[in-house]
């Protein structure tokens, strides 16, 4: 499972990049960040509190390619100011 957290309004870019790297779809959850002024100063970027969390279930074979595509499209150096990470999934139902 890949999780990508981006500024609100950037989930379409997340999914475009993920699909180009082989992902089939994802789920978007709206959220709110809790970063403080110290984090803004450390990264030298304004932190927007409204976030979108995109969850993308992919096979382990394409995971690294999807993560790289997300970093290029919506990483911290972009307006999306996104971070992405993966977690293992040991069982899935409802997908064929």
N, C-alpha and C. Protein backbone atom coordinates (compact mmCIF):
# COMPACT_ATOMS: atom_id res chain seq x y z
N UNK A 1 0.86 -1.17 0.00
CA UNK A 1 0.00 0.00 0.00
C UNK A 1 0.90 1.23 0.00
N UNK A 2 0.64 2.12 -0.91
CA UNK A 2 1.35 3.39 -0.95
C UNK A 2 0.40 4.47 -0.44
N UNK A 3 0.90 5.29 0.45
CA UNK A 3 0.18 6.44 0.96
C UNK A 3 0.90 7.68 0.45
N UNK A 4 0.17 8.61 -0.12
CA UNK A 4 0.76 9.87 -0.57
C UNK A 4 -0.07 11.00 0.03
N UNK A 5 0.59 11.86 0.79
CA UNK A 5 -0.07 12.97 1.45
C UNK A 5 0.36 14.26 0.75
N UNK A 6 -0.62 14.97 0.21
CA UNK A 6 -0.34 16.18 -0.57
C UNK A 6 -1.24 17.31 -0.12
N UNK A 7 -0.88 18.53 -0.52
CA UNK A 7 -1.75 19.68 -0.29
C UNK A 7 -3.08 19.43 -1.00
N UNK A 8 -4.15 19.98 -0.44
CA UNK A 8 -5.48 19.83 -1.03
C UNK A 8 -5.48 20.30 -2.47
N UNK A 9 -6.14 19.54 -3.33
CA UNK A 9 -6.23 19.90 -4.74
C UNK A 9 -5.23 19.18 -5.63
N UNK A 10 -4.35 18.37 -5.06
CA UNK A 10 -3.31 17.72 -5.85
C UNK A 10 -3.51 16.21 -6.01
N UNK A 11 -4.62 15.68 -5.55
CA UNK A 11 -4.82 14.23 -5.64
C UNK A 11 -4.93 13.75 -7.09
N UNK A 12 -5.46 14.58 -7.99
CA UNK A 12 -5.53 14.17 -9.39
C UNK A 12 -4.13 14.00 -9.97
N UNK A 13 -3.21 14.89 -9.61
CA UNK A 13 -1.83 14.73 -10.08
C UNK A 13 -1.19 13.47 -9.51
N UNK A 14 -1.51 13.15 -8.26
CA UNK A 14 -1.01 11.92 -7.65
C UNK A 14 -1.46 10.72 -8.47
N UNK A 15 -2.75 10.66 -8.76
CA UNK A 15 -3.27 9.51 -9.49
C UNK A 15 -2.79 9.47 -10.93
N UNK A 16 -2.62 10.61 -11.57
CA UNK A 16 -2.07 10.62 -12.93
C UNK A 16 -0.67 10.01 -12.94
N UNK A 17 0.17 10.42 -12.01
CA UNK A 17 1.54 9.90 -11.95
C UNK A 17 1.54 8.41 -11.60
N UNK A 18 0.69 8.02 -10.65
CA UNK A 18 0.63 6.62 -10.24
C UNK A 18 0.16 5.73 -11.39
N UNK A 19 -0.83 6.18 -12.13
CA UNK A 19 -1.34 5.39 -13.26
C UNK A 19 -0.28 5.24 -14.34
N UNK A 20 0.46 6.32 -14.61
CA UNK A 20 1.53 6.23 -15.61
C UNK A 20 2.59 5.22 -15.21
N UNK A 21 2.75 4.99 -13.91
CA UNK A 21 3.73 4.02 -13.41
C UNK A 21 3.13 2.63 -13.23
N UNK A 22 1.85 2.47 -13.58
CA UNK A 22 1.26 1.14 -13.56
C UNK A 22 0.16 0.90 -12.55
N UNK A 23 -0.14 1.86 -11.68
CA UNK A 23 -1.21 1.68 -10.70
C UNK A 23 -2.56 1.75 -11.41
N UNK A 24 -3.56 1.10 -10.82
CA UNK A 24 -4.88 1.07 -11.45
C UNK A 24 -5.85 2.07 -10.84
N UNK A 25 -5.74 2.39 -9.58
CA UNK A 25 -6.67 3.31 -8.95
C UNK A 25 -6.26 3.59 -7.53
N UNK A 26 -7.02 4.43 -6.86
CA UNK A 26 -6.69 4.78 -5.49
C UNK A 26 -7.91 5.35 -4.78
N UNK A 27 -7.73 5.66 -3.53
CA UNK A 27 -8.78 6.24 -2.70
C UNK A 27 -8.24 7.51 -2.06
N UNK A 28 -9.04 8.58 -2.12
CA UNK A 28 -8.64 9.87 -1.56
C UNK A 28 -9.41 10.13 -0.28
N UNK A 29 -8.67 10.50 0.75
CA UNK A 29 -9.25 10.89 2.03
C UNK A 29 -8.82 12.32 2.32
N UNK A 30 -9.76 13.15 2.70
CA UNK A 30 -9.42 14.53 3.04
C UNK A 30 -8.93 14.59 4.48
N UNK A 31 -7.91 15.42 4.71
CA UNK A 31 -7.35 15.53 6.05
C UNK A 31 -6.83 16.92 6.33
N UNK A 32 -6.24 17.06 7.48
CA UNK A 32 -5.69 18.34 7.91
C UNK A 32 -4.35 18.09 8.58
N UNK A 33 -3.31 18.76 8.13
CA UNK A 33 -1.98 18.62 8.71
C UNK A 33 -1.86 19.37 10.01
N UNK A 34 -0.88 18.98 10.82
CA UNK A 34 -0.68 19.61 12.12
C UNK A 34 0.73 20.18 12.28
N UNK A 35 1.42 20.40 11.16
CA UNK A 35 2.78 20.93 11.24
C UNK A 35 2.78 22.30 11.90
N UNK A 36 3.88 22.63 12.55
CA UNK A 36 3.98 23.91 13.24
C UNK A 36 4.95 24.84 12.52
N UNK A 37 5.11 26.03 13.05
CA UNK A 37 6.00 27.04 12.44
C UNK A 37 7.44 26.54 12.35
N UNK A 38 7.89 25.74 13.32
CA UNK A 38 9.25 25.21 13.27
C UNK A 38 9.46 24.35 12.03
N UNK A 39 8.46 23.55 11.68
CA UNK A 39 8.57 22.72 10.48
C UNK A 39 8.62 23.59 9.23
N UNK A 40 7.81 24.65 9.20
CA UNK A 40 7.83 25.58 8.06
C UNK A 40 9.22 26.18 7.89
N UNK A 41 9.83 26.60 8.99
CA UNK A 41 11.15 27.22 8.93
C UNK A 41 12.22 26.20 8.55
N UNK A 42 12.13 24.99 9.07
CA UNK A 42 13.13 23.96 8.78
C UNK A 42 13.15 23.61 7.30
N UNK A 43 11.95 23.45 6.70
CA UNK A 43 11.88 23.07 5.29
C UNK A 43 11.82 24.26 4.36
N UNK A 44 11.72 25.48 4.93
CA UNK A 44 11.69 26.72 4.16
C UNK A 44 10.55 26.74 3.14
N UNK A 45 9.39 26.20 3.54
CA UNK A 45 8.21 26.20 2.69
C UNK A 45 6.99 26.50 3.55
N UNK A 46 6.02 27.24 3.00
CA UNK A 46 4.78 27.44 3.76
C UNK A 46 3.99 26.13 3.77
N UNK A 47 3.45 25.76 4.91
CA UNK A 47 2.74 24.50 5.04
C UNK A 47 1.24 24.77 5.05
N UNK A 48 0.56 24.20 4.06
CA UNK A 48 -0.89 24.33 3.94
C UNK A 48 -1.54 23.27 4.82
N UNK A 49 -2.46 23.64 5.69
CA UNK A 49 -3.03 22.65 6.61
C UNK A 49 -3.98 21.65 5.94
N UNK A 50 -4.71 22.04 4.88
CA UNK A 50 -5.64 21.11 4.23
C UNK A 50 -4.87 20.14 3.35
N UNK A 51 -5.11 18.85 3.58
CA UNK A 51 -4.36 17.79 2.89
C UNK A 51 -5.31 16.80 2.24
N UNK A 52 -4.76 16.04 1.32
CA UNK A 52 -5.44 14.88 0.76
C UNK A 52 -4.49 13.70 0.92
N UNK A 53 -5.03 12.60 1.39
CA UNK A 53 -4.26 11.37 1.55
C UNK A 53 -4.77 10.41 0.47
N UNK A 54 -3.86 9.99 -0.40
CA UNK A 54 -4.22 9.07 -1.47
C UNK A 54 -3.63 7.71 -1.12
N UNK A 55 -4.50 6.71 -1.04
CA UNK A 55 -4.08 5.34 -0.76
C UNK A 55 -4.14 4.56 -2.07
N UNK A 56 -3.02 3.94 -2.43
CA UNK A 56 -2.92 3.23 -3.70
C UNK A 56 -2.37 1.83 -3.43
N UNK A 57 -3.17 0.83 -3.75
CA UNK A 57 -2.74 -0.55 -3.57
C UNK A 57 -2.06 -1.01 -4.86
N UNK A 58 -0.79 -1.38 -4.76
CA UNK A 58 -0.03 -1.81 -5.94
C UNK A 58 0.75 -3.08 -5.60
N UNK A 59 1.17 -3.79 -6.64
CA UNK A 59 2.01 -4.97 -6.43
C UNK A 59 3.42 -4.52 -6.05
N UNK A 60 4.12 -5.39 -5.37
CA UNK A 60 5.48 -5.05 -4.96
C UNK A 60 6.39 -4.82 -6.16
N UNK A 61 6.05 -5.39 -7.30
CA UNK A 61 6.89 -5.24 -8.50
C UNK A 61 6.91 -3.80 -9.03
N UNK A 62 5.83 -3.05 -8.83
CA UNK A 62 5.80 -1.67 -9.36
C UNK A 62 5.89 -0.62 -8.27
N UNK A 63 5.96 -1.04 -7.02
CA UNK A 63 5.95 -0.10 -5.89
C UNK A 63 7.01 0.99 -6.03
N UNK A 64 8.26 0.61 -6.27
CA UNK A 64 9.34 1.60 -6.35
C UNK A 64 9.13 2.58 -7.51
N UNK A 65 8.65 2.07 -8.65
CA UNK A 65 8.40 2.96 -9.79
C UNK A 65 7.29 3.96 -9.48
N UNK A 66 6.26 3.52 -8.77
CA UNK A 66 5.17 4.42 -8.41
C UNK A 66 5.68 5.48 -7.43
N UNK A 67 6.44 5.06 -6.43
CA UNK A 67 6.99 6.03 -5.47
C UNK A 67 7.87 7.07 -6.16
N UNK A 68 8.70 6.64 -7.10
CA UNK A 68 9.56 7.58 -7.83
C UNK A 68 8.72 8.54 -8.65
N UNK A 69 7.67 8.04 -9.31
CA UNK A 69 6.80 8.90 -10.11
C UNK A 69 6.09 9.93 -9.23
N UNK A 70 5.66 9.51 -8.05
CA UNK A 70 5.00 10.44 -7.13
C UNK A 70 5.95 11.52 -6.66
N UNK A 71 7.18 11.15 -6.36
CA UNK A 71 8.16 12.13 -5.92
C UNK A 71 8.40 13.19 -7.01
N UNK A 72 8.50 12.76 -8.26
CA UNK A 72 8.70 13.71 -9.35
C UNK A 72 7.49 14.61 -9.56
N UNK A 73 6.29 14.04 -9.46
CA UNK A 73 5.07 14.79 -9.78
C UNK A 73 4.61 15.69 -8.64
N UNK A 74 4.69 15.21 -7.40
CA UNK A 74 4.09 15.95 -6.28
C UNK A 74 4.96 15.96 -5.03
N UNK A 75 6.26 15.74 -5.18
CA UNK A 75 7.16 15.70 -4.03
C UNK A 75 7.30 17.03 -3.33
N UNK A 76 8.11 17.05 -2.28
CA UNK A 76 8.28 18.26 -1.47
C UNK A 76 8.77 19.46 -2.26
N UNK A 77 9.44 19.23 -3.37
CA UNK A 77 9.95 20.34 -4.18
C UNK A 77 8.92 20.86 -5.18
N UNK A 78 7.69 20.41 -5.07
CA UNK A 78 6.63 20.85 -5.98
C UNK A 78 5.55 21.59 -5.19
N UNK A 79 4.59 22.16 -5.89
CA UNK A 79 3.48 22.84 -5.22
C UNK A 79 2.63 21.88 -4.39
N UNK A 80 2.62 20.61 -4.77
CA UNK A 80 1.86 19.62 -4.01
C UNK A 80 2.46 19.33 -2.65
N UNK A 81 3.76 19.60 -2.49
CA UNK A 81 4.50 19.40 -1.24
C UNK A 81 4.19 18.05 -0.61
N UNK A 82 4.21 17.01 -1.46
CA UNK A 82 3.80 15.70 -1.00
C UNK A 82 4.91 14.85 -0.43
N UNK A 83 4.48 13.93 0.42
CA UNK A 83 5.35 12.85 0.88
C UNK A 83 4.63 11.55 0.56
N UNK A 84 5.40 10.52 0.31
CA UNK A 84 4.82 9.22 0.01
C UNK A 84 5.61 8.15 0.75
N UNK A 85 4.91 7.12 1.16
CA UNK A 85 5.57 5.99 1.81
C UNK A 85 4.75 4.74 1.55
N UNK A 86 5.36 3.60 1.76
CA UNK A 86 4.64 2.34 1.54
C UNK A 86 4.63 1.51 2.80
N UNK A 87 3.63 0.67 2.89
CA UNK A 87 3.50 -0.27 3.99
C UNK A 87 3.08 -1.62 3.40
N UNK A 88 3.58 -2.70 3.95
CA UNK A 88 3.22 -4.01 3.41
C UNK A 88 1.76 -4.36 3.70
N UNK A 89 1.16 -5.08 2.79
CA UNK A 89 -0.20 -5.58 2.94
C UNK A 89 -0.13 -7.09 2.79
N UNK A 90 -0.65 -7.81 3.77
CA UNK A 90 -0.52 -9.27 3.70
C UNK A 90 -1.80 -9.98 3.24
N UNK A 91 -2.90 -9.23 3.11
CA UNK A 91 -4.13 -9.87 2.68
C UNK A 91 -5.07 -8.82 2.11
N UNK A 92 -5.73 -9.17 1.00
CA UNK A 92 -6.68 -8.26 0.36
C UNK A 92 -7.88 -9.07 -0.08
N UNK A 93 -9.07 -8.52 0.12
CA UNK A 93 -10.29 -9.12 -0.45
C UNK A 93 -11.01 -8.05 -1.23
N UNK A 94 -11.81 -8.47 -2.18
CA UNK A 94 -12.62 -7.53 -2.96
C UNK A 94 -11.98 -7.02 -4.23
N UNK A 95 -10.77 -7.48 -4.54
CA UNK A 95 -10.10 -7.07 -5.78
C UNK A 95 -9.79 -8.32 -6.57
N UNK A 96 -10.10 -8.28 -7.86
CA UNK A 96 -9.81 -9.44 -8.72
C UNK A 96 -8.64 -9.19 -9.61
